[in-house]
């Protein structure tokens, strides 16, 4: 199977064995993003492997400081000319949407 060129594709790995330099090199060679996923059990290394960044924030709660850190990392990627895709948990409660609105407001300076 061949993945289409020019389509932003991110890979989310759920086992630590995938977090290795040879995997990161392969992703970089094909301009595929490592999905930086945060859960209560695991945080993926924030390694840039593509011309875009892909974040999945899946913890049930984030502190003010954690949200500020998210925004800082997003700004770093944007300043480097990368697009940023960021998604928050959206299941039982509206908290993910509330966090997303907070981060967007901070990004806009409001």
PDB file of N, CA and C in Angstrom:
ATOM      1  N   UNK A   1       0.847  -1.178   0.000  1.00  0.00           N
ATOM      2  CA  UNK A   1       0.000   0.000   0.000  1.00  0.00           C
ATOM      3  C   UNK A   1       0.887   1.234   0.000  1.00  0.00           C
ATOM      4  N   UNK A   2       0.534   2.169  -0.831  1.00  0.00           N
ATOM      5  CA  UNK A   2       1.267   3.421  -0.924  1.00  0.00           C
ATOM      6  C   UNK A   2       0.353   4.552  -0.484  1.00  0.00           C
ATOM      7  N   UNK A   3       0.893   5.409   0.354  1.00  0.00           N
ATOM      8  CA  UNK A   3       0.121   6.569   0.802  1.00  0.00           C
ATOM      9  C   UNK A   3       0.263   7.687  -0.221  1.00  0.00           C
ATOM     10  N   UNK A   4      -0.785   8.458  -0.447  1.00  0.00           N
ATOM     11  CA  UNK A   4      -0.723   9.520  -1.448  1.00  0.00           C
ATOM     12  C   UNK A   4       0.236  10.633  -1.035  1.00  0.00           C
ATOM     13  N   UNK A   5       0.924  11.162  -2.015  1.00  0.00           N
ATOM     14  CA  UNK A   5       1.826  12.298  -1.764  1.00  0.00           C
ATOM     15  C   UNK A   5       1.000  13.578  -1.671  1.00  0.00           C
ATOM     16  N   UNK A   6       1.511  14.539  -0.921  1.00  0.00           N
ATOM     17  CA  UNK A   6       0.853  15.823  -0.829  1.00  0.00           C
ATOM     18  C   UNK A   6      -0.337  15.875   0.108  1.00  0.00           C
ATOM     19  N   UNK A   7      -0.648  14.767   0.738  1.00  0.00           N
ATOM     20  CA  UNK A   7      -1.753  14.713   1.693  1.00  0.00           C
ATOM     21  C   UNK A   7      -1.146  14.657   3.090  1.00  0.00           C
ATOM     22  N   UNK A   8      -1.511  15.575   3.981  1.00  0.00           N
ATOM     23  CA  UNK A   8      -0.936  15.521   5.331  1.00  0.00           C
ATOM     24  C   UNK A   8      -1.427  14.284   6.087  1.00  0.00           C
ATOM     25  N   UNK A   9      -0.481  13.439   6.449  1.00  0.00           N
ATOM     26  CA  UNK A   9      -0.806  12.201   7.161  1.00  0.00           C
ATOM     27  C   UNK A   9      -0.001  12.158   8.448  1.00  0.00           C
ATOM     28  N   UNK A  10      -0.682  11.830   9.537  1.00  0.00           N
ATOM     29  CA  UNK A  10      -0.024  11.703  10.843  1.00  0.00           C
ATOM     30  C   UNK A  10      -0.212  10.283  11.350  1.00  0.00           C
ATOM     31  N   UNK A  11       0.802   9.806  12.057  1.00  0.00           N
ATOM     32  CA  UNK A  11       0.753   8.477  12.659  1.00  0.00           C
ATOM     33  C   UNK A  11       0.740   8.610  14.170  1.00  0.00           C
ATOM     34  N   UNK A  12      -0.218   7.943  14.799  1.00  0.00           N
ATOM     35  CA  UNK A  12      -0.273   7.899  16.262  1.00  0.00           C
ATOM     36  C   UNK A  12       0.125   6.496  16.702  1.00  0.00           C
ATOM     37  N   UNK A  13       1.248   6.418  17.391  1.00  0.00           N
ATOM     38  CA  UNK A  13       1.740   5.138  17.898  1.00  0.00           C
ATOM     39  C   UNK A  13       1.383   5.019  19.369  1.00  0.00           C
ATOM     40  N   UNK A  14       0.955   3.851  19.769  1.00  0.00           N
ATOM     41  CA  UNK A  14       0.501   3.654  21.145  1.00  0.00           C
ATOM     42  C   UNK A  14       1.381   2.695  21.924  1.00  0.00           C
ATOM     43  N   UNK A  15       2.556   2.423  21.401  1.00  0.00           N
ATOM     44  CA  UNK A  15       3.510   1.595  22.140  1.00  0.00           C
ATOM     45  C   UNK A  15       4.873   2.264  22.059  1.00  0.00           C
ATOM     46  N   UNK A  16       5.573   2.287  23.172  1.00  0.00           N
ATOM     47  CA  UNK A  16       6.844   2.997  23.277  1.00  0.00           C
ATOM     48  C   UNK A  16       7.896   2.502  22.291  1.00  0.00           C
ATOM     49  N   UNK A  17       7.775   1.272  21.822  1.00  0.00           N
ATOM     50  CA  UNK A  17       8.773   0.734  20.895  1.00  0.00           C
ATOM     51  C   UNK A  17       8.825   1.521  19.582  1.00  0.00           C
ATOM     52  N   UNK A  18       7.759   2.238  19.263  1.00  0.00           N
ATOM     53  CA  UNK A  18       7.733   3.045  18.046  1.00  0.00           C
ATOM     54  C   UNK A  18       8.472   4.371  18.203  1.00  0.00           C
ATOM     55  N   UNK A  19       8.744   4.774  19.427  1.00  0.00           N
ATOM     56  CA  UNK A  19       9.390   6.065  19.662  1.00  0.00           C
ATOM     57  C   UNK A  19      10.898   5.892  19.562  1.00  0.00           C
ATOM     58  N   UNK A  20      11.371   5.713  18.336  1.00  0.00           N
ATOM     59  CA  UNK A  20      12.777   5.415  18.078  1.00  0.00           C
ATOM     60  C   UNK A  20      13.273   6.266  16.907  1.00  0.00           C
ATOM     61  N   UNK A  21      14.562   6.556  16.927  1.00  0.00           N
ATOM     62  CA  UNK A  21      15.140   7.423  15.898  1.00  0.00           C
ATOM     63  C   UNK A  21      14.920   6.900  14.484  1.00  0.00           C
ATOM     64  N   UNK A  22      14.987   5.572  14.281  1.00  0.00           N
ATOM     65  CA  UNK A  22      14.787   5.053  12.926  1.00  0.00           C
ATOM     66  C   UNK A  22      13.350   5.275  12.449  1.00  0.00           C
ATOM     67  N   UNK A  23      12.392   5.210  13.352  1.00  0.00           N
ATOM     68  CA  UNK A  23      10.994   5.499  12.992  1.00  0.00           C
ATOM     69  C   UNK A  23      10.843   6.983  12.676  1.00  0.00           C
ATOM     70  N   UNK A  24      11.422   7.837  13.525  1.00  0.00           N
ATOM     71  CA  UNK A  24      11.345   9.280  13.284  1.00  0.00           C
ATOM     72  C   UNK A  24      11.993   9.628  11.944  1.00  0.00           C
ATOM     73  N   UNK A  25      13.119   9.001  11.628  1.00  0.00           N
ATOM     74  CA  UNK A  25      13.805   9.255  10.352  1.00  0.00           C
ATOM     75  C   UNK A  25      12.939   8.846   9.169  1.00  0.00           C
ATOM     76  N   UNK A  26      12.266   7.723   9.281  1.00  0.00           N
ATOM     77  CA  UNK A  26      11.377   7.260   8.208  1.00  0.00           C
ATOM     78  C   UNK A  26      10.221   8.244   8.008  1.00  0.00           C
ATOM     79  N   UNK A  27       9.631   8.698   9.099  1.00  0.00           N
ATOM     80  CA  UNK A  27       8.549   9.678   8.993  1.00  0.00           C
ATOM     81  C   UNK A  27       9.048  10.958   8.327  1.00  0.00           C
ATOM     82  N   UNK A  28      10.232  11.431   8.745  1.00  0.00           N
ATOM     83  CA  UNK A  28      10.806  12.647   8.146  1.00  0.00           C
ATOM     84  C   UNK A  28      11.052  12.467   6.658  1.00  0.00           C
ATOM     85  N   UNK A  29      11.580  11.303   6.269  1.00  0.00           N
ATOM     86  CA  UNK A  29      11.895  11.046   4.865  1.00  0.00           C
ATOM     87  C   UNK A  29      10.657  11.115   3.976  1.00  0.00           C
ATOM     88  N   UNK A  30       9.501  10.847   4.547  1.00  0.00           N
ATOM     89  CA  UNK A  30       8.252  10.841   3.781  1.00  0.00           C
ATOM     90  C   UNK A  30       7.312  11.988   4.148  1.00  0.00           C
ATOM     91  N   UNK A  31       7.820  12.934   4.954  1.00  0.00           N
ATOM     92  CA  UNK A  31       7.038  14.097   5.389  1.00  0.00           C
ATOM     93  C   UNK A  31       5.715  13.682   6.032  1.00  0.00           C
ATOM     94  N   UNK A  32       5.794  12.723   6.942  1.00  0.00           N
ATOM     95  CA  UNK A  32       4.632  12.247   7.702  1.00  0.00           C
ATOM     96  C   UNK A  32       4.814  12.665   9.155  1.00  0.00           C
ATOM     97  N   UNK A  33       3.771  13.162   9.764  1.00  0.00           N
ATOM     98  CA  UNK A  33       3.874  13.684  11.128  1.00  0.00           C
ATOM     99  C   UNK A  33       3.741  12.575  12.165  1.00  0.00           C
ATOM    100  N   UNK A  34       4.480  12.736  13.227  1.00  0.00           N
ATOM    101  CA  UNK A  34       4.275  11.927  14.422  1.00  0.00           C
ATOM    102  C   UNK A  34       3.162  12.610  15.201  1.00  0.00           C
ATOM    103  N   UNK A  35       2.064  11.930  15.422  1.00  0.00           N
ATOM    104  CA  UNK A  35       0.969  12.483  16.214  1.00  0.00           C
ATOM    105  C   UNK A  35       1.425  12.554  17.665  1.00  0.00           C
ATOM    106  N   UNK A  36       1.481  13.756  18.190  1.00  0.00           N
ATOM    107  CA  UNK A  36       1.843  13.942  19.590  1.00  0.00           C
ATOM    108  C   UNK A  36       0.552  13.819  20.387  1.00  0.00           C
ATOM    109  N   UNK A  37       0.381  12.658  21.005  1.00  0.00           N
ATOM    110  CA  UNK A  37      -0.850  12.352  21.730  1.00  0.00           C
ATOM    111  C   UNK A  37      -0.581  12.337  23.226  1.00  0.00           C
ATOM    112  N   UNK A  38      -1.435  13.010  23.955  1.00  0.00           N
ATOM    113  CA  UNK A  38      -1.357  13.028  25.417  1.00  0.00           C
ATOM    114  C   UNK A  38      -2.557  12.303  25.986  1.00  0.00           C
ATOM    115  N   UNK A  39      -2.281  11.326  26.829  1.00  0.00           N
ATOM    116  CA  UNK A  39      -3.338  10.660  27.582  1.00  0.00           C
ATOM    117  C   UNK A  39      -2.881  10.595  29.028  1.00  0.00           C
ATOM    118  N   UNK A  40      -3.717  10.052  29.872  1.00  0.00           N
ATOM    119  CA  UNK A  40      -3.326   9.888  31.272  1.00  0.00           C
ATOM    120  C   UNK A  40      -2.203   8.868  31.410  1.00  0.00           C
ATOM    121  N   UNK A  41      -2.104   7.949  30.462  1.00  0.00           N
ATOM    122  CA  UNK A  41      -1.108   6.884  30.538  1.00  0.00           C
ATOM    123  C   UNK A  41       0.193   7.216  29.823  1.00  0.00           C
ATOM    124  N   UNK A  42       0.158   8.075  28.806  1.00  0.00           N
ATOM    125  CA  UNK A  42       1.324   8.243  27.957  1.00  0.00           C
ATOM    126  C   UNK A  42       1.340   9.625  27.329  1.00  0.00           C
ATOM    127  N   UNK A  43       2.553  10.113  27.089  1.00  0.00           N
ATOM    128  CA  UNK A  43       2.749  11.323  26.298  1.00  0.00           C
ATOM    129  C   UNK A  43       3.759  10.978  25.210  1.00  0.00           C
ATOM    130  N   UNK A  44       3.375  11.191  23.967  1.00  0.00           N
ATOM    131  CA  UNK A  44       4.258  10.939  22.842  1.00  0.00           C
ATOM    132  C   UNK A  44       5.351  12.003  22.818  1.00  0.00           C
ATOM    133  N   UNK A  45       6.580  11.638  22.470  1.00  0.00           N
ATOM    134  CA  UNK A  45       7.629  12.663  22.332  1.00  0.00           C
ATOM    135  C   UNK A  45       7.222  13.697  21.278  1.00  0.00           C
ATOM    136  N   UNK A  46       7.522  14.944  21.538  1.00  0.00           N
ATOM    137  CA  UNK A  46       7.179  16.020  20.602  1.00  0.00           C
ATOM    138  C   UNK A  46       8.333  16.177  19.614  1.00  0.00           C
ATOM    139  N   UNK A  47       8.362  15.298  18.617  1.00  0.00           N
ATOM    140  CA  UNK A  47       9.425  15.271  17.614  1.00  0.00           C
ATOM    141  C   UNK A  47       8.839  15.756  16.292  1.00  0.00           C
ATOM    142  N   UNK A  48       9.476  16.746  15.693  1.00  0.00           N
ATOM    143  CA  UNK A  48       9.019  17.277  14.416  1.00  0.00           C
ATOM    144  C   UNK A  48       9.502  16.369  13.295  1.00  0.00           C
ATOM    145  N   UNK A  49       8.567  15.798  12.549  1.00  0.00           N
ATOM    146  CA  UNK A  49       8.925  14.894  11.454  1.00  0.00           C
ATOM    147  C   UNK A  49       8.308  15.313  10.123  1.00  0.00           C
ATOM    148  N   UNK A  50       7.557  16.403  10.103  1.00  0.00           N
ATOM    149  CA  UNK A  50       6.874  16.820   8.874  1.00  0.00           C
ATOM    150  C   UNK A  50       6.770  18.339   8.825  1.00  0.00           C
ATOM    151  N   UNK A  51       6.246  18.825   7.706  1.00  0.00           N
ATOM    152  CA  UNK A  51       6.075  20.275   7.582  1.00  0.00           C
ATOM    153  C   UNK A  51       4.770  20.750   8.217  1.00  0.00           C
ATOM    154  N   UNK A  52       4.174  19.886   9.039  1.00  0.00           N
ATOM    155  CA  UNK A  52       3.010  20.251   9.838  1.00  0.00           C
ATOM    156  C   UNK A  52       3.099  19.489  11.159  1.00  0.00           C
ATOM    157  N   UNK A  53       2.342  19.953  12.137  1.00  0.00           N
ATOM    158  CA  UNK A  53       2.323  19.301  13.455  1.00  0.00           C
ATOM    159  C   UNK A  53       0.898  18.852  13.758  1.00  0.00           C
ATOM    160  N   UNK A  54       0.792  17.737  14.482  1.00  0.00           N
ATOM    161  CA  UNK A  54      -0.513  17.154  14.783  1.00  0.00           C
ATOM    162  C   UNK A  54      -0.540  16.772  16.259  1.00  0.00           C
ATOM    163  N   UNK A  55      -1.436  17.401  17.015  1.00  0.00           N
ATOM    164  CA  UNK A  55      -1.543  17.168  18.455  1.00  0.00           C
ATOM    165  C   UNK A  55      -2.915  16.599  18.799  1.00  0.00           C
ATOM    166  N   UNK A  56      -2.924  15.612  19.696  1.00  0.00           N
ATOM    167  CA  UNK A  56      -4.182  15.073  20.246  1.00  0.00           C
ATOM    168  C   UNK A  56      -4.097  15.192  21.762  1.00  0.00           C
ATOM    169  N   UNK A  57      -4.903  16.051  22.327  1.00  0.00           N
ATOM    170  CA  UNK A  57      -4.934  16.268  23.773  1.00  0.00           C
ATOM    171  C   UNK A  57      -6.105  15.482  24.346  1.00  0.00           C
ATOM    172  N   UNK A  58      -5.806  14.381  25.028  1.00  0.00           N
ATOM    173  CA  UNK A  58      -6.842  13.433  25.446  1.00  0.00           C
ATOM    174  C   UNK A  58      -6.992  13.298  26.956  1.00  0.00           C
ATOM    175  N   UNK A  59      -6.236  14.061  27.717  1.00  0.00           N
ATOM    176  CA  UNK A  59      -6.414  13.969  29.169  1.00  0.00           C
ATOM    177  C   UNK A  59      -7.739  14.625  29.553  1.00  0.00           C
ATOM    178  N   UNK A  60      -8.359  14.177  30.644  1.00  0.00           N
ATOM    179  CA  UNK A  60      -9.645  14.781  31.028  1.00  0.00           C
ATOM    180  C   UNK A  60      -9.510  16.205  31.553  1.00  0.00           C
ATOM    181  N   UNK A  61      -8.337  16.551  32.070  1.00  0.00           N
ATOM    182  CA  UNK A  61      -8.151  17.903  32.614  1.00  0.00           C
ATOM    183  C   UNK A  61      -6.772  18.429  32.252  1.00  0.00           C
ATOM    184  N   UNK A  62      -6.712  19.745  32.016  1.00  0.00           N
ATOM    185  CA  UNK A  62      -5.457  20.440  31.754  1.00  0.00           C
ATOM    186  C   UNK A  62      -5.423  21.700  32.610  1.00  0.00           C
ATOM    187  N   UNK A  63      -4.283  21.946  33.227  1.00  0.00           N
ATOM    188  CA  UNK A  63      -4.127  23.154  34.032  1.00  0.00           C
ATOM    189  C   UNK A  63      -3.918  24.351  33.110  1.00  0.00           C
ATOM    190  N   UNK A  64      -4.020  25.520  33.696  1.00  0.00           N
ATOM    191  CA  UNK A  64      -3.759  26.757  32.974  1.00  0.00           C
ATOM    192  C   UNK A  64      -2.344  26.740  32.399  1.00  0.00           C
ATOM    193  N   UNK A  65      -1.386  26.271  33.195  1.00  0.00           N
ATOM    194  CA  UNK A  65       0.011  26.221  32.761  1.00  0.00           C
ATOM    195  C   UNK A  65       0.198  25.234  31.605  1.00  0.00           C
ATOM    196  N   UNK A  66      -0.494  24.109  31.662  1.00  0.00           N
ATOM    197  CA  UNK A  66      -0.402  23.131  30.571  1.00  0.00           C
ATOM    198  C   UNK A  66      -0.958  23.708  29.273  1.00  0.00           C
ATOM    199  N   UNK A  67      -2.057  24.441  29.363  1.00  0.00           N
ATOM    200  CA  UNK A  67      -2.627  25.052  28.161  1.00  0.00           C
ATOM    201  C   UNK A  67      -1.700  26.133  27.613  1.00  0.00           C
ATOM    202  N   UNK A  68      -1.046  26.865  28.495  1.00  0.00           N
ATOM    203  CA  UNK A  68      -0.066  27.859  28.043  1.00  0.00           C
ATOM    204  C   UNK A  68       1.097  27.170  27.328  1.00  0.00           C
ATOM    205  N   UNK A  69       1.520  26.015  27.830  1.00  0.00           N
ATOM    206  CA  UNK A  69       2.584  25.251  27.180  1.00  0.00           C
ATOM    207  C   UNK A  69       2.170  24.753  25.806  1.00  0.00           C
ATOM    208  N   UNK A  70       0.921  24.322  25.683  1.00  0.00           N
ATOM    209  CA  UNK A  70       0.401  23.894  24.379  1.00  0.00           C
ATOM    210  C   UNK A  70       0.525  25.029  23.375  1.00  0.00           C
ATOM    211  N   UNK A  71       0.051  26.184  23.795  1.00  0.00           N
ATOM    212  CA  UNK A  71       0.058  27.342  22.911  1.00  0.00           C
ATOM    213  C   UNK A  71       1.488  27.718  22.528  1.00  0.00           C
ATOM    214  N   UNK A  72       2.406  27.651  23.471  1.00  0.00           N
ATOM    215  CA  UNK A  72       3.809  27.961  23.194  1.00  0.00           C
ATOM    216  C   UNK A  72       4.369  27.011  22.121  1.00  0.00           C
ATOM    217  N   UNK A  73       4.105  25.708  22.272  1.00  0.00           N
ATOM    218  CA  UNK A  73       4.593  24.735  21.282  1.00  0.00           C
ATOM    219  C   UNK A  73       3.952  24.981  19.915  1.00  0.00           C
ATOM    220  N   UNK A  74       2.661  25.302  19.911  1.00  0.00           N
ATOM    221  CA  UNK A  74       1.991  25.584  18.638  1.00  0.00           C
ATOM    222  C   UNK A  74       2.596  26.807  17.965  1.00  0.00           C
ATOM    223  N   UNK A  75       2.851  27.865  18.747  1.00  0.00           N
ATOM    224  CA  UNK A  75       3.463  29.077  18.193  1.00  0.00           C
ATOM    225  C   UNK A  75       4.845  28.780  17.626  1.00  0.00           C
ATOM    226  N   UNK A  76       5.616  27.931  18.301  1.00  0.00           N
ATOM    227  CA  UNK A  76       6.945  27.559  17.799  1.00  0.00           C
ATOM    228  C   UNK A  76       6.831  26.899  16.433  1.00  0.00           C
ATOM    229  N   UNK A  77       5.880  25.993  16.281  1.00  0.00           N
ATOM    230  CA  UNK A  77       5.699  25.300  14.999  1.00  0.00           C
ATOM    231  C   UNK A  77       5.223  26.281  13.924  1.00  0.00           C
ATOM    232  N   UNK A  78       4.285  27.141  14.274  1.00  0.00           N
ATOM    233  CA  UNK A  78       3.788  28.127  13.313  1.00  0.00           C
ATOM    234  C   UNK A  78       4.899  29.080  12.885  1.00  0.00           C
ATOM    235  N   UNK A  79       5.729  29.516  13.835  1.00  0.00           N
ATOM    236  CA  UNK A  79       6.835  30.420  13.525  1.00  0.00           C
ATOM    237  C   UNK A  79       7.852  29.762  12.597  1.00  0.00           C
ATOM    238  N   UNK A  80       7.937  28.436  12.644  1.00  0.00           N
ATOM    239  CA  UNK A  80       8.846  27.693  11.769  1.00  0.00           C
ATOM    240  C   UNK A  80       8.207  27.405  10.407  1.00  0.00           C
ATOM    241  N   UNK A  81       6.999  27.945  10.177  1.00  0.00           N
ATOM    242  CA  UNK A  81       6.335  27.776   8.895  1.00  0.00           C
ATOM    243  C   UNK A  81       5.510  26.511   8.764  1.00  0.00           C
ATOM    244  N   UNK A  82       5.213  25.875   9.889  1.00  0.00           N
ATOM    245  CA  UNK A  82       4.435  24.636   9.854  1.00  0.00           C
ATOM    246  C   UNK A  82       2.965  24.924  10.177  1.00  0.00           C
ATOM    247  N   UNK A  83       2.080  24.196   9.525  1.00  0.00           N
ATOM    248  CA  UNK A  83       0.677  24.212   9.923  1.00  0.00           C
ATOM    249  C   UNK A  83       0.544  23.382  11.189  1.00  0.00           C
ATOM    250  N   UNK A  84      -0.453  23.701  11.992  1.00  0.00           N
ATOM    251  CA  UNK A  84      -0.687  22.975  13.239  1.00  0.00           C
ATOM    252  C   UNK A  84      -2.135  22.503  13.275  1.00  0.00           C
ATOM    253  N   UNK A  85      -2.292  21.222  13.560  1.00  0.00           N
ATOM    254  CA  UNK A  85      -3.608  20.626  13.775  1.00  0.00           C
ATOM    255  C   UNK A  85      -3.640  20.173  15.229  1.00  0.00           C
ATOM    256  N   UNK A  86      -4.623  20.626  15.988  1.00  0.00           N
ATOM    257  CA  UNK A  86      -4.711  20.258  17.405  1.00  0.00           C
ATOM    258  C   UNK A  86      -6.154  19.889  17.730  1.00  0.00           C
ATOM    259  N   UNK A  87      -6.296  18.778  18.415  1.00  0.00           N
ATOM    260  CA  UNK A  87      -7.619  18.248  18.745  1.00  0.00           C
ATOM    261  C   UNK A  87      -7.683  17.917  20.230  1.00  0.00           C
ATOM    262  N   UNK A  88      -8.816  18.211  20.835  1.00  0.00           N
ATOM    263  CA  UNK A  88      -9.029  17.926  22.247  1.00  0.00           C
ATOM    264  C   UNK A  88     -10.056  16.817  22.401  1.00  0.00           C
ATOM    265  N   UNK A  89      -9.967  16.130  23.516  1.00  0.00           N
ATOM    266  CA  UNK A  89     -10.908  15.060  23.846  1.00  0.00           C
ATOM    267  C   UNK A  89     -12.338  15.597  23.765  1.00  0.00           C
ATOM    268  N   UNK A  90     -13.230  14.802  23.227  1.00  0.00           N
ATOM    269  CA  UNK A  90     -14.602  15.275  22.992  1.00  0.00           C
ATOM    270  C   UNK A  90     -15.609  14.179  23.320  1.00  0.00           C
ATOM    271  N   UNK A  91     -15.558  13.661  24.495  1.00  0.00           N
ATOM    272  CA  UNK A  91     -16.427  12.528  24.815  1.00  0.00           C
ATOM    273  C   UNK A  91     -17.527  12.892  25.802  1.00  0.00           C
ATOM    274  N   UNK A  92     -17.399  12.486  27.049  1.00  0.00           N
ATOM    275  CA  UNK A  92     -18.495  12.586  28.018  1.00  0.00           C
ATOM    276  C   UNK A  92     -18.841  14.010  28.456  1.00  0.00           C
ATOM    277  N   UNK A  93     -17.855  14.881  28.497  1.00  0.00           N
ATOM    278  CA  UNK A  93     -18.089  16.238  28.995  1.00  0.00           C
ATOM    279  C   UNK A  93     -17.690  17.256  27.925  1.00  0.00           C
ATOM    280  N   UNK A  94     -18.098  18.498  28.089  1.00  0.00           N
ATOM    281  CA  UNK A  94     -17.709  19.527  27.127  1.00  0.00           C
ATOM    282  C   UNK A  94     -16.317  20.102  27.395  1.00  0.00           C
ATOM    283  N   UNK A  95     -15.589  19.548  28.351  1.00  0.00           N
ATOM    284  CA  UNK A  95     -14.325  20.144  28.771  1.00  0.00           C
ATOM    285  C   UNK A  95     -13.329  20.301  27.619  1.00  0.00           C
ATOM    286  N   UNK A  96     -13.248  19.321  26.732  1.00  0.00           N
ATOM    287  CA  UNK A  96     -12.329  19.428  25.593  1.00  0.00           C
ATOM    288  C   UNK A  96     -12.633  20.642  24.735  1.00  0.00           C
ATOM    289  N   UNK A  97     -13.908  20.881  24.461  1.00  0.00           N
ATOM    290  CA  UNK A  97     -14.300  22.049  23.674  1.00  0.00           C
ATOM    291  C   UNK A  97     -13.986  23.338  24.428  1.00  0.00           C
ATOM    292  N   UNK A  98     -14.175  23.328  25.725  1.00  0.00           N
ATOM    293  CA  UNK A  98     -13.864  24.508  26.546  1.00  0.00           C
ATOM    294  C   UNK A  98     -12.369  24.805  26.489  1.00  0.00           C
ATOM    295  N   UNK A  99     -11.531  23.757  26.597  1.00  0.00           N
ATOM    296  CA  UNK A  99     -10.076  23.948  26.496  1.00  0.00           C
ATOM    297  C   UNK A  99      -9.691  24.470  25.113  1.00  0.00           C
ATOM    298  N   UNK A 100     -10.322  23.941  24.071  1.00  0.00           N
ATOM    299  CA  UNK A 100     -10.017  24.387  22.711  1.00  0.00           C
ATOM    300  C   UNK A 100     -10.343  25.871  22.549  1.00  0.00           C
ATOM    301  N   UNK A 101     -11.490  26.296  23.044  1.00  0.00           N
ATOM    302  CA  UNK A 101     -11.870  27.707  22.971  1.00  0.00           C
ATOM    303  C   UNK A 101     -10.870  28.560  23.742  1.00  0.00           C
ATOM    304  N   UNK A 102     -10.445  28.102  24.915  1.00  0.00           N
ATOM    305  CA  UNK A 102      -9.467  28.837  25.718  1.00  0.00           C
ATOM    306  C   UNK A 102      -8.158  29.014  24.951  1.00  0.00           C
ATOM    307  N   UNK A 103      -7.657  27.943  24.348  1.00  0.00           N
ATOM    308  CA  UNK A 103      -6.399  28.027  23.604  1.00  0.00           C
ATOM    309  C   UNK A 103      -6.555  28.949  22.397  1.00  0.00           C
ATOM    310  N   UNK A 104      -7.684  28.871  21.692  1.00  0.00           N
ATOM    311  CA  UNK A 104      -7.920  29.764  20.555  1.00  0.00           C
ATOM    312  C   UNK A 104      -7.979  31.227  20.989  1.00  0.00           C
ATOM    313  N   UNK A 105      -8.645  31.501  22.108  1.00  0.00           N
ATOM    314  CA  UNK A 105      -8.710  32.880  22.609  1.00  0.00           C
ATOM    315  C   UNK A 105      -7.326  33.387  22.983  1.00  0.00           C
ATOM    316  N   UNK A 106      -6.530  32.537  23.627  1.00  0.00           N
ATOM    317  CA  UNK A 106      -5.159  32.935  23.974  1.00  0.00           C
ATOM    318  C   UNK A 106      -4.351  33.213  22.709  1.00  0.00           C
ATOM    319  N   UNK A 107      -4.536  32.373  21.696  1.00  0.00           N
ATOM    320  CA  UNK A 107      -3.802  32.562  20.442  1.00  0.00           C
ATOM    321  C   UNK A 107      -4.175  33.889  19.790  1.00  0.00           C
ATOM    322  N   UNK A 108      -5.446  34.275  19.919  1.00  0.00           N
ATOM    323  CA  UNK A 108      -5.925  35.532  19.340  1.00  0.00           C
ATOM    324  C   UNK A 108      -5.612  36.731  20.224  1.00  0.00           C
ATOM    325  N   UNK A 109      -5.131  36.464  21.443  1.00  0.00           N
ATOM    326  CA  UNK A 109      -4.807  37.551  22.356  1.00  0.00           C
ATOM    327  C   UNK A 109      -6.003  38.149  23.047  1.00  0.00           C
ATOM    328  N   UNK A 110      -7.101  37.383  23.146  1.00  0.00           N
ATOM    329  CA  UNK A 110      -8.301  37.921  23.808  1.00  0.00           C
ATOM    330  C   UNK A 110      -8.541  37.230  25.128  1.00  0.00           C
TER     331      UNK A 110
END
